[in-house]
């Protein structure tokens, strides 16, 4: 089984990607999307979103990193895909699933599920201009308002030459509301003759088993489930492993804090930490307690003191 870490805009930045990857079990991690309009982007734009490119496209623990691109301009996406691969990205992923109203308003992400012909042109151009030895994946939802174009979009991705299709098993209008409809993609791999990776609402090893069974595939992409439990991929692959305890999670929080304090403006650090704790407290009552302790603090020094006091007692 292959397991990928999803490209989560504003959430799975390089700091959290590195941390989650090091827990083990991930075959590849995907970057937040890089927005392409109509021109070739300078290298510093890629490095801002994917600093791992300076490490030959690997995280610190040598997990491969794949750059995700978002846009609708076939030629511009193709030239930027080439640049990302030259810089070290392990293939390219194209975003046809982002549900953001802002992104969709600029004709990016899930809005393209209304235009299968545009999806075809984008994938075809990128595939033809990318290095032949580099894989191209495309991530889509089941549709925009409904599933009426689902098969047409999936066929466009396959026929245009993508090497893999990743399906978030909800429509754009369904957003992130449970459930995910994994079974809707059950015929993709066999009918389209393209490897399928299923994504959406996978929180536990049992969810992972049901998702791959219902979607009739062997590959998973973990999103918010990995943010809530960084050890989820390891638990899915290692059936003898017990669920991660707070004693496993707490040191990661301190490591994450040290990482962002060393590389991010102090004004953003407290919000970034609280964002992650908001996810962790869905699984760990101790994260709720920790969140309450630091909730009113915004200064780096104060939070550092509080974290060390609380975590060193674990």
Protein backbone atom coordinates (compact mmCIF):
# COMPACT_ATOMS: atom_id res chain seq x y z
CA UNK A 1 0.00 0.00 0.00
CA UNK A 2 1.15 3.52 -0.85
CA UNK A 3 0.28 6.42 1.44
CA UNK A 4 0.65 10.07 0.50
CA UNK A 5 0.39 13.20 2.64
CA UNK A 6 -2.14 15.55 1.05
CA UNK A 7 -1.40 19.07 -0.22
CA UNK A 8 -3.33 21.13 2.37
CA UNK A 9 -3.23 24.84 1.64
CA UNK A 10 -2.47 26.94 4.71
CA UNK A 11 -2.04 23.87 6.90
CA UNK A 12 0.55 21.35 5.71
CA UNK A 13 3.42 23.79 5.21
CA UNK A 14 7.04 22.67 5.13
CA UNK A 15 7.29 22.62 8.94
CA UNK A 16 4.37 20.26 9.43
CA UNK A 17 5.23 18.21 6.34
CA UNK A 18 8.71 17.54 7.68
CA UNK A 19 7.38 16.62 11.10
CA UNK A 20 4.65 14.28 9.88
CA UNK A 21 6.93 12.60 7.33
CA UNK A 22 9.47 11.71 10.00
CA UNK A 23 6.88 9.64 11.92
CA UNK A 24 7.13 7.10 9.09
CA UNK A 25 4.79 5.34 6.71
CA UNK A 26 4.55 8.06 4.05
CA UNK A 27 5.72 7.21 0.55
CA UNK A 28 5.51 10.83 -0.60
CA UNK A 29 4.39 14.23 0.63
CA UNK A 30 2.74 16.88 -1.54
CA UNK A 31 3.28 20.61 -1.24
CA UNK A 32 0.65 23.27 -0.84
CA UNK A 33 -0.40 24.41 -4.31
CA UNK A 34 1.67 26.90 -6.28
CA UNK A 35 -0.64 29.22 -8.21
CA UNK A 36 0.22 29.58 -11.90
CA UNK A 37 -1.39 32.31 -13.99
CA UNK A 38 0.19 32.81 -17.41
CA UNK A 39 3.95 32.93 -16.98
CA UNK A 40 6.98 30.98 -15.84
CA UNK A 41 7.54 31.60 -12.14
CA UNK A 42 11.00 32.40 -10.74
CA UNK A 43 12.76 29.76 -8.71
CA UNK A 44 12.31 31.64 -5.43
CA UNK A 45 8.53 31.15 -5.68
CA UNK A 46 9.01 27.38 -5.77
CA UNK A 47 11.50 27.49 -2.92
CA UNK A 48 9.13 29.52 -0.77
CA UNK A 49 6.46 26.82 -1.00
CA UNK A 50 8.82 23.86 -1.31
CA UNK A 51 12.16 24.48 0.45
CA UNK A 52 12.73 20.73 0.15
CA UNK A 53 13.77 21.36 -3.47
CA UNK A 54 17.08 22.57 -2.06
CA UNK A 55 17.48 19.06 -0.63
CA UNK A 56 16.99 17.31 -3.99
CA UNK A 57 13.24 17.19 -3.39
CA UNK A 58 13.36 15.27 -0.11
CA UNK A 59 12.31 15.99 3.44
CA UNK A 60 14.94 15.72 6.18
CA UNK A 61 14.05 12.04 6.60
CA UNK A 62 14.37 11.43 2.84
CA UNK A 63 10.68 11.23 1.99
CA UNK A 64 10.13 12.35 -1.63
CA UNK A 65 8.27 15.62 -2.18
CA UNK A 66 5.97 16.38 -5.11
CA UNK A 67 5.05 19.94 -6.08
CA UNK A 68 1.39 20.68 -6.74
CA UNK A 69 0.44 23.29 -9.33
CA UNK A 70 -2.90 25.05 -9.67
CA UNK A 71 -4.16 27.02 -12.66
CA UNK A 72 -5.91 26.76 -16.02
CA UNK A 73 -3.29 27.91 -18.54
CA UNK A 74 -1.95 24.79 -20.30
CA UNK A 75 1.32 26.28 -21.60
CA UNK A 76 2.17 28.13 -18.40
CA UNK A 77 1.46 25.08 -16.26
CA UNK A 78 3.64 22.96 -18.54
CA UNK A 79 6.62 25.32 -18.35
CA UNK A 80 6.30 25.59 -14.56
CA UNK A 81 5.99 21.82 -14.24
CA UNK A 82 9.27 21.51 -16.14
CA UNK A 83 10.94 24.02 -13.84
CA UNK A 84 9.74 22.24 -10.71
CA UNK A 85 11.07 18.92 -12.00
CA UNK A 86 14.40 20.49 -12.92
CA UNK A 87 14.63 21.86 -9.38
CA UNK A 88 14.09 18.42 -7.86
CA UNK A 89 10.36 17.78 -7.52
CA UNK A 90 9.48 14.08 -7.69
CA UNK A 91 6.88 14.48 -10.39
CA UNK A 92 4.02 16.99 -10.54
CA UNK A 93 0.49 17.03 -9.20
CA UNK A 94 -2.25 19.15 -10.79
CA UNK A 95 -4.99 20.60 -8.61
CA UNK A 96 -8.55 20.16 -9.89
CA UNK A 97 -10.09 19.87 -6.45
CA UNK A 98 -9.53 23.01 -4.36
CA UNK A 99 -12.98 24.16 -3.11
CA UNK A 100 -11.92 27.71 -2.14
CA UNK A 101 -14.33 30.33 -3.51
CA UNK A 102 -11.43 32.71 -4.09
CA UNK A 103 -9.48 30.10 -6.04
CA UNK A 104 -12.55 29.02 -7.99
CA UNK A 105 -13.39 32.64 -8.85
CA UNK A 106 -10.04 32.92 -10.61
CA UNK A 107 -10.79 29.74 -12.55
CA UNK A 108 -8.59 27.41 -10.56
CA UNK A 109 -9.15 24.22 -8.60
CA UNK A 110 -12.54 22.52 -8.51
CA UNK A 111 -14.24 25.00 -10.86
CA UNK A 112 -12.46 23.23 -13.72
CA UNK A 113 -14.56 20.15 -13.04
CA UNK A 114 -17.19 22.05 -15.04
CA UNK A 115 -14.79 22.07 -18.00
CA UNK A 116 -13.47 18.58 -18.79
CA UNK A 117 -12.03 19.86 -22.06
CA UNK A 118 -9.85 22.38 -20.18
CA UNK A 119 -8.69 19.63 -17.84
CA UNK A 120 -7.73 17.55 -20.88
CA UNK A 121 -5.72 20.38 -22.45
CA UNK A 122 -3.93 21.15 -19.20
CA UNK A 123 -2.97 17.55 -18.46
CA UNK A 124 -1.96 16.86 -22.06
CA UNK A 125 0.28 19.93 -22.31
CA UNK A 126 1.95 19.24 -18.98
CA UNK A 127 2.48 15.56 -19.75
CA UNK A 128 3.95 16.25 -23.19
CA UNK A 129 6.41 18.86 -21.94
CA UNK A 130 7.43 17.22 -18.66
CA UNK A 131 10.42 14.86 -18.55
CA UNK A 132 9.21 11.43 -19.63
CA UNK A 133 10.63 9.77 -16.53
CA UNK A 134 8.73 12.04 -14.13
CA UNK A 135 5.22 10.99 -13.00
CA UNK A 136 2.22 13.26 -13.40
CA UNK A 137 -0.75 12.95 -11.05
CA UNK A 138 -3.99 14.92 -11.00
CA UNK A 139 -6.21 15.44 -7.97
CA UNK A 140 -9.94 15.91 -8.47
CA UNK A 141 -13.22 15.78 -6.59
CA UNK A 142 -16.33 13.88 -7.62
CA UNK A 143 -17.67 17.02 -9.26
CA UNK A 144 -18.53 20.65 -8.60
CA UNK A 145 -22.22 21.02 -7.72
CA UNK A 146 -22.93 17.37 -8.45
CA UNK A 147 -21.35 14.30 -10.05
CA UNK A 148 -22.60 14.91 -13.58
CA UNK A 149 -19.10 15.49 -15.02
CA UNK A 150 -17.23 13.05 -12.80
CA UNK A 151 -16.54 10.39 -15.40
CA UNK A 152 -15.84 12.89 -18.16
CA UNK A 153 -13.23 14.64 -16.01
CA UNK A 154 -11.64 11.37 -14.93
CA UNK A 155 -11.47 10.20 -18.55
CA UNK A 156 -9.92 13.51 -19.57
CA UNK A 157 -7.17 13.05 -16.99
CA UNK A 158 -6.52 9.48 -18.06
CA UNK A 159 -6.66 10.02 -21.83
CA UNK A 160 -4.43 13.11 -21.63
CA UNK A 161 -1.65 10.96 -20.24
CA UNK A 162 -1.58 11.36 -16.47
CA UNK A 163 0.14 8.54 -14.63
CA UNK A 164 -2.12 8.61 -11.59
CA UNK A 165 -5.48 9.99 -10.50
CA UNK A 166 -6.18 11.09 -6.92
CA UNK A 167 -9.82 11.41 -5.92
CA UNK A 168 -11.15 13.36 -2.96
CA UNK A 169 -14.41 11.48 -2.64
CA UNK A 170 -16.76 14.45 -2.30
CA UNK A 171 -18.03 17.16 -4.62
CA UNK A 172 -17.00 20.75 -4.22
CA UNK A 173 -20.45 21.62 -2.86
CA UNK A 174 -20.07 18.90 -0.20
CA UNK A 175 -16.86 20.54 0.96
CA UNK A 176 -15.40 18.61 3.90
CA UNK A 177 -18.69 17.43 5.42
CA UNK A 178 -18.82 13.72 6.23
CA UNK A 179 -19.22 11.21 4.81
CA UNK A 180 -16.82 10.69 1.92
CA UNK A 181 -18.20 8.60 -0.92
CA UNK A 182 -15.25 6.31 -1.61
CA UNK A 183 -17.36 3.81 -3.55
CA UNK A 184 -18.09 6.39 -6.24
CA UNK A 185 -14.55 5.83 -7.55
CA UNK A 186 -14.61 2.02 -7.41
CA UNK A 187 -14.48 1.58 -11.20
CA UNK A 188 -11.86 4.24 -11.92
CA UNK A 189 -8.74 2.11 -11.79
CA UNK A 190 -10.08 -0.84 -13.79
CA UNK A 191 -12.04 1.17 -16.36
CA UNK A 192 -9.59 4.01 -16.93
CA UNK A 193 -6.48 1.81 -16.64
CA UNK A 194 -4.81 4.36 -14.38
CA UNK A 195 -3.71 3.92 -10.75
CA UNK A 196 -6.15 5.41 -8.27
CA UNK A 197 -5.41 7.00 -4.90
CA UNK A 198 -8.41 7.64 -2.65
CA UNK A 199 -8.67 10.62 -0.29
CA UNK A 200 -11.16 12.06 2.16
CA UNK A 201 -12.47 11.30 5.67
CA UNK A 202 -9.74 8.81 6.59
CA UNK A 203 -9.17 9.19 10.32
CA UNK A 204 -8.27 5.67 11.48
CA UNK A 205 -6.77 2.41 10.18
CA UNK A 206 -10.31 1.05 9.94
CA UNK A 207 -11.30 4.00 7.75
CA UNK A 208 -8.28 3.32 5.56
CA UNK A 209 -9.29 -0.31 5.10
CA UNK A 210 -12.86 0.62 4.20
CA UNK A 211 -11.73 3.37 1.83
CA UNK A 212 -9.41 1.15 -0.19
CA UNK A 213 -11.98 -1.66 -0.22
CA UNK A 214 -14.84 0.55 -1.37
CA UNK A 215 -12.71 2.43 -3.92
CA UNK A 216 -11.11 -0.82 -5.11
CA UNK A 217 -7.57 0.56 -4.92
CA UNK A 218 -4.36 0.16 -2.91
CA UNK A 219 -3.26 3.77 -2.42
CA UNK A 220 -4.35 6.39 0.10
CA UNK A 221 -3.87 10.10 0.55
CA UNK A 222 -4.19 11.34 4.13
CA UNK A 223 -5.16 14.91 4.85
CA UNK A 224 -6.67 16.22 8.06
CA UNK A 225 -6.43 12.74 9.58
CA UNK A 226 -2.64 13.04 9.45
CA UNK A 227 -2.77 16.51 11.01
CA UNK A 228 -4.90 15.14 13.85
CA UNK A 229 -2.66 12.08 14.26
CA UNK A 230 0.81 12.36 12.66
CA UNK A 231 1.39 8.63 13.25
CA UNK A 232 -1.67 7.57 11.23
CA UNK A 233 0.25 6.28 8.20
CA UNK A 234 2.46 4.19 10.44
CA UNK A 235 -0.59 2.77 12.21
CA UNK A 236 -2.24 1.90 8.89
CA UNK A 237 0.82 0.09 7.55
CA UNK A 238 1.83 -1.57 10.81
CA UNK A 239 -1.21 -3.43 12.09
CA UNK A 240 0.64 -4.40 15.27
CA UNK A 241 1.30 -0.79 16.23
CA UNK A 242 -0.94 0.62 18.94
CA UNK A 243 -2.57 4.02 18.56
CA UNK A 244 -0.27 6.97 19.22
CA UNK A 245 -0.35 8.26 22.79
CA UNK A 246 -0.02 11.81 24.00
CA UNK A 247 3.52 10.95 25.06
CA UNK A 248 4.25 10.35 21.35
CA UNK A 249 2.60 13.59 20.25
CA UNK A 250 3.85 16.05 22.88
CA UNK A 251 7.53 16.06 21.80
CA UNK A 252 6.44 16.76 18.21
CA UNK A 253 4.61 19.88 19.35
CA UNK A 254 7.74 21.26 20.95
CA UNK A 255 9.79 20.34 17.87
CA UNK A 256 7.23 22.06 15.63
CA UNK A 257 7.33 25.19 17.79
CA UNK A 258 11.12 25.32 17.66
CA UNK A 259 10.97 24.95 13.88
CA UNK A 260 8.53 27.77 13.21
CA UNK A 261 10.11 30.13 15.74
CA UNK A 262 13.41 29.71 13.94
CA UNK A 263 12.07 30.47 10.47
CA UNK A 264 8.78 32.39 10.70
CA UNK A 265 7.90 35.93 11.71
CA UNK A 266 7.07 35.99 15.46
CA UNK A 267 3.69 37.60 14.74
CA UNK A 268 2.50 34.43 12.98
CA UNK A 269 3.98 31.78 15.26
CA UNK A 270 1.29 31.68 17.95
CA UNK A 271 -1.53 31.40 15.42
CA UNK A 272 0.23 28.62 13.53
CA UNK A 273 0.71 26.58 16.71
CA UNK A 274 -2.87 27.14 17.86
CA UNK A 275 -4.13 26.06 14.44
CA UNK A 276 -2.41 22.68 14.80
CA UNK A 277 -3.52 22.27 18.41
CA UNK A 278 -7.10 22.87 17.26
CA UNK A 279 -6.80 19.72 15.16
CA UNK A 280 -4.94 17.70 17.77
CA UNK A 281 -7.55 18.40 20.44
CA UNK A 282 -10.07 16.48 18.31
CA UNK A 283 -8.07 13.36 19.21
CA UNK A 284 -6.29 14.21 22.46
CA UNK A 285 -7.87 15.81 25.51
CA UNK A 286 -4.36 16.86 26.57
CA UNK A 287 -4.17 19.05 23.46
CA UNK A 288 -7.32 20.80 24.63
CA UNK A 289 -5.67 21.43 27.98
CA UNK A 290 -2.52 22.73 26.31
CA UNK A 291 -4.53 24.96 24.01
CA UNK A 292 -6.26 26.48 27.04
CA UNK A 293 -2.92 27.19 28.69
CA UNK A 294 -1.50 29.13 25.74
CA UNK A 295 -4.75 30.48 24.26
CA UNK A 296 -4.28 34.06 25.42
CA UNK A 297 -0.54 34.19 24.79
CA UNK A 298 0.91 35.72 21.65
CA UNK A 299 4.53 36.41 22.59
CA UNK A 300 7.09 33.81 21.51
CA UNK A 301 8.95 33.89 24.81
CA UNK A 302 5.78 33.36 26.86
CA UNK A 303 4.59 30.47 24.74
CA UNK A 304 8.02 28.84 24.79
CA UNK A 305 8.04 28.94 28.58
CA UNK A 306 4.51 27.54 28.83
CA UNK A 307 5.15 24.76 26.32
CA UNK A 308 8.31 23.61 28.00
CA UNK A 309 6.62 23.61 31.37
CA UNK A 310 3.60 21.65 30.19
CA UNK A 311 5.36 19.22 27.83
CA UNK A 312 8.33 18.43 30.01
CA UNK A 313 5.87 17.21 32.63
CA UNK A 314 4.48 14.59 30.24
